[in-house]
Amino acid sequence: MPFFRPIFRKGNSFCLYGERKKAISFEALIKETMKYPYFPVPLEKLGATLQFTEINPGDTLVLGDNITVRSTANNHPDGRISYCIQYGNKFCCYVTDYEHGPEKAQGLLELCAEMVSF
């Protein structure tokens, strides 16, 4: 996020969605990554207006016309969320920091079931 140039532009507005971690809000997690020693510009000094919305694994978001975002829990010691973004009949799954293991990733497999395999 700190290298996304439009976030520095006054007048821009962004809705950010993410998971809280135990007692730490999603907004507080982002604020922590946007301050010294991690980054020289604190969140409060960005030009854009930011709206933070907390989501949980399994939530489905409908964003604008014909955009749906489904989420599922990742296999990770600290927990993570993977997303399947659907626009009309097109799909894209966003899966990061996934811990592989012998157990099946049932939630992830269900989330990506409609994707084309290659």
C-alpha atoms as a PDB file:
ATOM      1  CA  MET A   1       0.000   0.000   0.000  1.00  0.00           C
ATOM      2  CA  PRO A   2       2.719   2.577   0.730  1.00  0.00           C
ATOM      3  CA  PHE A   3       3.898   2.401  -2.891  1.00  0.00           C
ATOM      4  CA  PHE A   4       0.438   2.909  -4.415  1.00  0.00           C
ATOM      5  CA  ARG A   5       0.838   6.478  -5.697  1.00  0.00           C
ATOM      6  CA  PRO A   6      -2.875   7.397  -5.894  1.00  0.00           C
ATOM      7  CA  ILE A   7      -3.115   7.024  -2.111  1.00  0.00           C
ATOM      8  CA  PHE A   8      -0.966  10.149  -1.732  1.00  0.00           C
ATOM      9  CA  ARG A   9      -3.246  12.294  -3.924  1.00  0.00           C
ATOM     10  CA  LYS A  10      -5.604  14.657  -2.119  1.00  0.00           C
ATOM     11  CA  GLY A  11      -9.186  14.180  -3.259  1.00  0.00           C
ATOM     12  CA  ASN A  12      -8.853  10.436  -3.897  1.00  0.00           C
ATOM     13  CA  SER A  13     -10.936   8.065  -1.793  1.00  0.00           C
ATOM     14  CA  PHE A  14     -10.403   4.344  -1.153  1.00  0.00           C
ATOM     15  CA  CYS A  15     -12.299   1.631   0.714  1.00  0.00           C
ATOM     16  CA  LEU A  16      -9.933  -0.904   2.292  1.00  0.00           C
ATOM     17  CA  TYR A  17     -11.119  -4.311   3.466  1.00  0.00           C
ATOM     18  CA  GLY A  18      -9.185  -6.579   5.792  1.00  0.00           C
ATOM     19  CA  GLU A  19      -9.166  -8.799   8.826  1.00  0.00           C
ATOM     20  CA  ARG A  20      -8.577  -7.743  12.414  1.00  0.00           C
ATOM     21  CA  LYS A  21      -5.962  -9.733  14.315  1.00  0.00           C
ATOM     22  CA  LYS A  22      -7.248 -10.582  17.803  1.00  0.00           C
ATOM     23  CA  ALA A  23      -7.519  -7.257  19.672  1.00  0.00           C
ATOM     24  CA  ILE A  24      -5.880  -5.209  16.887  1.00  0.00           C
ATOM     25  CA  SER A  25      -8.206  -3.553  14.381  1.00  0.00           C
ATOM     26  CA  PHE A  26      -7.521  -3.700  10.657  1.00  0.00           C
ATOM     27  CA  GLU A  27      -6.998   0.071  10.619  1.00  0.00           C
ATOM     28  CA  ALA A  28      -4.465  -0.129  13.490  1.00  0.00           C
ATOM     29  CA  LEU A  29      -2.547  -2.868  11.635  1.00  0.00           C
ATOM     30  CA  ILE A  30      -2.265  -0.669   8.540  1.00  0.00           C
ATOM     31  CA  LYS A  31      -1.297   2.384  10.627  1.00  0.00           C
ATOM     32  CA  GLU A  32       1.509   0.376  12.222  1.00  0.00           C
ATOM     33  CA  THR A  33       3.015  -0.540   8.837  1.00  0.00           C
ATOM     34  CA  MET A  34       2.868   3.080   7.679  1.00  0.00           C
ATOM     35  CA  LYS A  35       5.124   4.581  10.330  1.00  0.00           C
ATOM     36  CA  TYR A  36       8.802   4.713  11.208  1.00  0.00           C
ATOM     37  CA  PRO A  37      10.882   2.540  10.896  1.00  0.00           C
ATOM     38  CA  TYR A  38       8.791   0.775   8.208  1.00  0.00           C
ATOM     39  CA  PHE A  39       7.797   3.788   6.127  1.00  0.00           C
ATOM     40  CA  PRO A  40       8.537   7.534   6.316  1.00  0.00           C
ATOM     41  CA  VAL A  41       4.958   8.783   5.726  1.00  0.00           C
ATOM     42  CA  PRO A  42       2.371   8.009   8.432  1.00  0.00           C
ATOM     43  CA  LEU A  43      -1.170   7.078   7.442  1.00  0.00           C
ATOM     44  CA  GLU A  44      -2.500  10.394   8.753  1.00  0.00           C
ATOM     45  CA  LYS A  45      -0.326  12.322   6.252  1.00  0.00           C
ATOM     46  CA  LEU A  46      -1.650  10.612   3.115  1.00  0.00           C
ATOM     47  CA  GLY A  47      -3.669  12.787   0.762  1.00  0.00           C
ATOM     48  CA  ALA A  48      -6.442  10.286   0.043  1.00  0.00           C
ATOM     49  CA  THR A  49      -9.411   9.611   2.282  1.00  0.00           C
ATOM     50  CA  LEU A  50      -9.442   6.016   3.535  1.00  0.00           C
ATOM     51  CA  GLN A  51     -12.394   4.000   4.798  1.00  0.00           C
ATOM     52  CA  PHE A  52     -11.541   0.801   6.690  1.00  0.00           C
ATOM     53  CA  THR A  53     -13.952  -2.142   6.800  1.00  0.00           C
ATOM     54  CA  GLU A  54     -13.210  -5.303   8.739  1.00  0.00           C
ATOM     55  CA  ILE A  55     -14.161  -8.617   7.169  1.00  0.00           C
ATOM     56  CA  ASN A  56     -13.976 -12.228   8.293  1.00  0.00           C
ATOM     57  CA  PRO A  57     -13.196 -15.430   6.401  1.00  0.00           C
ATOM     58  CA  GLY A  58     -16.358 -16.586   4.664  1.00  0.00           C
ATOM     59  CA  ASP A  59     -17.711 -13.074   4.095  1.00  0.00           C
ATOM     60  CA  THR A  60     -19.040 -12.123   0.665  1.00  0.00           C
ATOM     61  CA  LEU A  61     -18.886  -8.512  -0.521  1.00  0.00           C
ATOM     62  CA  VAL A  62     -20.868  -6.998  -3.365  1.00  0.00           C
ATOM     63  CA  LEU A  63     -18.986  -3.985  -4.723  1.00  0.00           C
ATOM     64  CA  GLY A  64     -20.653  -1.852  -7.337  1.00  0.00           C
ATOM     65  CA  ASP A  65     -22.284  -3.313 -10.401  1.00  0.00           C
ATOM     66  CA  ASN A  66     -21.618  -6.985 -10.964  1.00  0.00           C
ATOM     67  CA  ILE A  67     -18.511  -7.295  -8.726  1.00  0.00           C
ATOM     68  CA  THR A  68     -18.523  -9.948  -6.003  1.00  0.00           C
ATOM     69  CA  VAL A  69     -15.655 -10.770  -3.643  1.00  0.00           C
ATOM     70  CA  ARG A  70     -15.806 -14.044  -1.701  1.00  0.00           C
ATOM     71  CA  SER A  71     -13.329 -14.866   1.047  1.00  0.00           C
ATOM     72  CA  THR A  72     -12.055 -17.956   2.814  1.00  0.00           C
ATOM     73  CA  ALA A  73      -9.518 -18.649   5.557  1.00  0.00           C
ATOM     74  CA  ASN A  74      -5.965 -19.482   4.499  1.00  0.00           C
ATOM     75  CA  ASN A  75      -3.928 -22.290   6.009  1.00  0.00           C
ATOM     76  CA  HIS A  76      -1.491 -20.127   7.988  1.00  0.00           C
ATOM     77  CA  PRO A  77      -0.369 -20.123  11.660  1.00  0.00           C
ATOM     78  CA  ASP A  78      -1.496 -16.498  12.129  1.00  0.00           C
ATOM     79  CA  GLY A  79      -4.521 -16.852   9.866  1.00  0.00           C
ATOM     80  CA  ARG A  80      -4.931 -15.147   6.498  1.00  0.00           C
ATOM     81  CA  ILE A  81      -7.754 -14.544   4.052  1.00  0.00           C
ATOM     82  CA  SER A  82      -7.832 -15.523   0.384  1.00  0.00           C
ATOM     83  CA  TYR A  83     -10.192 -13.844  -2.063  1.00  0.00           C
ATOM     84  CA  CYS A  84     -12.064 -14.795  -5.222  1.00  0.00           C
ATOM     85  CA  ILE A  85     -13.048 -11.721  -7.217  1.00  0.00           C
ATOM     86  CA  GLN A  86     -15.824 -12.150  -9.757  1.00  0.00           C
ATOM     87  CA  TYR A  87     -16.790  -9.607 -12.405  1.00  0.00           C
ATOM     88  CA  GLY A  88     -19.556 -10.922 -14.615  1.00  0.00           C
ATOM     89  CA  ASN A  89     -18.338 -14.338 -15.767  1.00  0.00           C
ATOM     90  CA  LYS A  90     -14.642 -13.617 -15.098  1.00  0.00           C
ATOM     91  CA  PHE A  91     -12.848 -14.775 -11.940  1.00  0.00           C
ATOM     92  CA  CYS A  92      -9.531 -14.082 -10.249  1.00  0.00           C
ATOM     93  CA  CYS A  93      -8.355 -15.689  -7.008  1.00  0.00           C
ATOM     94  CA  TYR A  94      -5.892 -13.808  -4.810  1.00  0.00           C
ATOM     95  CA  VAL A  95      -4.051 -16.193  -2.474  1.00  0.00           C
ATOM     96  CA  THR A  96      -0.883 -15.185  -0.626  1.00  0.00           C
ATOM     97  CA  ASP A  97       1.210 -16.511   2.249  1.00  0.00           C
ATOM     98  CA  TYR A  98      -0.356 -19.964   2.156  1.00  0.00           C
ATOM     99  CA  GLU A  99       1.194 -22.733   4.285  1.00  0.00           C
ATOM    100  CA  HIS A 100       1.189 -25.974   2.312  1.00  0.00           C
ATOM    101  CA  GLY A 101       0.645 -29.212   4.144  1.00  0.00           C
ATOM    102  CA  PRO A 102      -0.727 -32.714   3.864  1.00  0.00           C
ATOM    103  CA  GLU A 103      -4.282 -31.674   4.724  1.00  0.00           C
ATOM    104  CA  LYS A 104      -6.553 -30.558   1.916  1.00  0.00           C
ATOM    105  CA  ALA A 105      -7.244 -26.866   1.582  1.00  0.00           C
ATOM    106  CA  GLN A 106     -10.986 -27.426   1.318  1.00  0.00           C
ATOM    107  CA  GLY A 107     -12.009 -23.784   1.767  1.00  0.00           C
ATOM    108  CA  LEU A 108      -9.522 -22.624  -0.846  1.00  0.00           C
ATOM    109  CA  LEU A 109     -10.509 -25.392  -3.260  1.00  0.00           C
ATOM    110  CA  GLU A 110     -14.167 -24.428  -2.924  1.00  0.00           C
ATOM    111  CA  LEU A 111     -13.357 -20.744  -3.405  1.00  0.00           C
ATOM    112  CA  CYS A 112     -11.431 -21.419  -6.615  1.00  0.00           C
ATOM    113  CA  ALA A 113     -13.680 -24.218  -7.924  1.00  0.00           C
ATOM    114  CA  GLU A 114     -15.086 -22.067 -10.732  1.00  0.00           C
ATOM    115  CA  MET A 115     -11.653 -21.012 -11.981  1.00  0.00           C
ATOM    116  CA  VAL A 116     -10.268 -22.601 -15.134  1.00  0.00           C
ATOM    117  CA  SER A 117      -7.318 -24.932 -14.467  1.00  0.00           C
ATOM    118  CA  PHE A 118      -4.249 -24.900 -16.682  1.00  0.00           C
END
